[in-house]
Amino acid sequence: MKILYYNGNIYTMKRPEDKVQAVLVENGIILGAGIFSDFRHEADKLVDLEGATMLPD
């Protein structure tokens, strides 16, 4: 199942200030990160982070 996380402080960790609007994940693997509308149609489930911070593991 592809899960799209959005509406939070999603940091890529490439550089300290790099953030994206959304990240698409499947089975714990990041498929893409960027603009919400670019991934919305691919997602099976949406997760609203409600402003929470998300960092890659």
N, C-alpha and C. Protein backbone atom coordinates (compact mmCIF):
# COMPACT_ATOMS: atom_id res chain seq x y z
N MET A 1 0.84 -1.18 0.00
CA MET A 1 0.00 0.00 0.00
C MET A 1 0.88 1.24 0.00
N LYS A 2 0.58 2.16 -0.89
CA LYS A 2 1.33 3.42 -0.97
C LYS A 2 0.67 4.45 -0.07
N ILE A 3 1.46 5.00 0.84
CA ILE A 3 0.97 5.98 1.81
C ILE A 3 1.61 7.32 1.53
N LEU A 4 0.78 8.35 1.46
CA LEU A 4 1.27 9.71 1.24
C LEU A 4 1.13 10.51 2.52
N TYR A 5 2.27 10.93 3.06
CA TYR A 5 2.31 11.78 4.25
C TYR A 5 2.41 13.22 3.79
N TYR A 6 1.63 14.10 4.41
CA TYR A 6 1.61 15.50 3.99
C TYR A 6 1.20 16.39 5.15
N ASN A 7 1.24 17.71 4.93
CA ASN A 7 0.82 18.73 5.89
C ASN A 7 1.65 18.70 7.17
N GLY A 8 2.95 18.60 7.00
CA GLY A 8 3.84 18.63 8.15
C GLY A 8 5.17 19.25 7.77
N ASN A 9 6.09 19.23 8.69
CA ASN A 9 7.45 19.67 8.44
C ASN A 9 8.24 18.43 8.03
N ILE A 10 8.30 18.17 6.74
CA ILE A 10 8.92 16.95 6.22
C ILE A 10 10.31 17.32 5.72
N TYR A 11 11.32 16.89 6.46
CA TYR A 11 12.71 17.22 6.13
C TYR A 11 13.34 16.08 5.32
N THR A 12 14.10 16.44 4.28
CA THR A 12 14.77 15.43 3.46
C THR A 12 16.13 15.05 4.03
N MET A 13 16.74 15.92 4.80
CA MET A 13 18.05 15.75 5.43
C MET A 13 19.20 15.84 4.42
N LYS A 14 18.92 16.24 3.17
CA LYS A 14 20.01 16.49 2.23
C LYS A 14 20.80 17.70 2.69
N ARG A 15 20.07 18.72 3.11
CA ARG A 15 20.63 19.92 3.73
C ARG A 15 19.70 20.26 4.89
N PRO A 16 20.18 20.90 5.93
CA PRO A 16 19.35 21.18 7.10
C PRO A 16 18.03 21.91 6.80
N GLU A 17 18.03 22.78 5.79
CA GLU A 17 16.83 23.57 5.50
C GLU A 17 15.90 22.92 4.47
N ASP A 18 16.27 21.78 3.90
CA ASP A 18 15.46 21.15 2.85
C ASP A 18 14.19 20.50 3.41
N LYS A 19 13.04 21.01 2.94
CA LYS A 19 11.75 20.44 3.33
C LYS A 19 10.91 20.23 2.07
N VAL A 20 9.97 19.30 2.14
CA VAL A 20 9.05 19.03 1.05
C VAL A 20 7.62 19.06 1.59
N GLN A 21 6.64 19.15 0.68
CA GLN A 21 5.24 19.16 1.08
C GLN A 21 4.72 17.78 1.42
N ALA A 22 5.27 16.75 0.75
CA ALA A 22 4.73 15.41 0.91
C ALA A 22 5.79 14.36 0.60
N VAL A 23 5.56 13.15 1.14
CA VAL A 23 6.45 12.02 0.86
C VAL A 23 5.59 10.77 0.66
N LEU A 24 5.89 10.03 -0.41
CA LEU A 24 5.16 8.81 -0.75
C LEU A 24 6.01 7.61 -0.34
N VAL A 25 5.40 6.70 0.46
CA VAL A 25 6.12 5.57 1.04
C VAL A 25 5.36 4.28 0.75
N GLU A 26 6.12 3.21 0.44
CA GLU A 26 5.52 1.88 0.28
C GLU A 26 6.44 0.86 0.96
N ASN A 27 5.89 0.10 1.87
CA ASN A 27 6.66 -0.93 2.60
C ASN A 27 7.93 -0.36 3.22
N GLY A 28 7.84 0.83 3.79
CA GLY A 28 8.97 1.45 4.45
C GLY A 28 10.01 2.07 3.53
N ILE A 29 9.75 2.06 2.23
CA ILE A 29 10.68 2.63 1.26
C ILE A 29 10.10 3.91 0.68
N ILE A 30 10.89 4.98 0.66
CA ILE A 30 10.45 6.25 0.10
C ILE A 30 10.47 6.16 -1.42
N LEU A 31 9.30 6.34 -2.02
CA LEU A 31 9.18 6.30 -3.48
C LEU A 31 9.39 7.67 -4.10
N GLY A 32 9.06 8.70 -3.34
CA GLY A 32 9.21 10.05 -3.86
C GLY A 32 8.93 11.08 -2.79
N ALA A 33 9.47 12.26 -2.99
CA ALA A 33 9.24 13.37 -2.06
C ALA A 33 9.17 14.65 -2.88
N GLY A 34 8.24 15.51 -2.51
CA GLY A 34 8.10 16.76 -3.25
C GLY A 34 6.77 17.43 -3.00
N ILE A 35 6.10 17.80 -4.07
CA ILE A 35 4.84 18.55 -4.01
C ILE A 35 3.67 17.57 -3.87
N PHE A 36 2.76 17.88 -2.96
CA PHE A 36 1.61 17.03 -2.66
C PHE A 36 0.85 16.61 -3.92
N SER A 37 0.53 17.56 -4.78
CA SER A 37 -0.28 17.26 -5.97
C SER A 37 0.42 16.31 -6.95
N ASP A 38 1.75 16.24 -6.91
CA ASP A 38 2.49 15.34 -7.80
C ASP A 38 2.31 13.87 -7.41
N PHE A 39 1.99 13.60 -6.14
CA PHE A 39 1.89 12.23 -5.66
C PHE A 39 0.48 11.81 -5.25
N ARG A 40 -0.43 12.76 -5.16
CA ARG A 40 -1.79 12.49 -4.66
C ARG A 40 -2.46 11.35 -5.41
N HIS A 41 -2.36 11.30 -6.71
CA HIS A 41 -3.05 10.29 -7.52
C HIS A 41 -2.44 8.89 -7.36
N GLU A 42 -1.22 8.78 -6.84
CA GLU A 42 -0.56 7.49 -6.66
C GLU A 42 -0.86 6.84 -5.31
N ALA A 43 -1.34 7.62 -4.37
CA ALA A 43 -1.50 7.14 -2.99
C ALA A 43 -2.76 6.29 -2.80
N ASP A 44 -2.60 5.21 -2.02
CA ASP A 44 -3.73 4.40 -1.60
C ASP A 44 -4.32 4.94 -0.30
N LYS A 45 -3.47 5.63 0.48
CA LYS A 45 -3.89 6.16 1.78
C LYS A 45 -3.19 7.49 2.00
N LEU A 46 -3.90 8.44 2.58
CA LEU A 46 -3.34 9.74 2.93
C LEU A 46 -3.20 9.85 4.44
N VAL A 47 -2.07 10.39 4.88
CA VAL A 47 -1.84 10.61 6.31
C VAL A 47 -1.52 12.08 6.51
N ASP A 48 -2.43 12.79 7.18
CA ASP A 48 -2.25 14.20 7.49
C ASP A 48 -1.39 14.30 8.75
N LEU A 49 -0.21 14.84 8.63
CA LEU A 49 0.69 14.96 9.77
C LEU A 49 0.27 16.07 10.73
N GLU A 50 -0.68 16.88 10.35
CA GLU A 50 -1.22 17.95 11.20
C GLU A 50 -0.12 18.82 11.79
N GLY A 51 0.88 19.15 10.96
CA GLY A 51 1.96 20.03 11.39
C GLY A 51 3.12 19.35 12.10
N ALA A 52 3.04 18.05 12.32
CA ALA A 52 4.12 17.33 12.99
C ALA A 52 5.36 17.27 12.09
N THR A 53 6.50 16.99 12.69
CA THR A 53 7.76 16.88 11.96
C THR A 53 8.01 15.43 11.58
N MET A 54 8.50 15.24 10.34
CA MET A 54 8.83 13.90 9.83
C MET A 54 10.26 13.93 9.31
N LEU A 55 11.07 12.96 9.75
CA LEU A 55 12.45 12.84 9.33
C LEU A 55 12.67 11.44 8.76
N PRO A 56 13.57 11.29 7.77
CA PRO A 56 13.87 9.96 7.27
C PRO A 56 14.60 9.14 8.32
N ASP A 57 14.39 7.85 8.28
CA ASP A 57 15.03 6.96 9.26
C ASP A 57 16.24 6.31 8.65
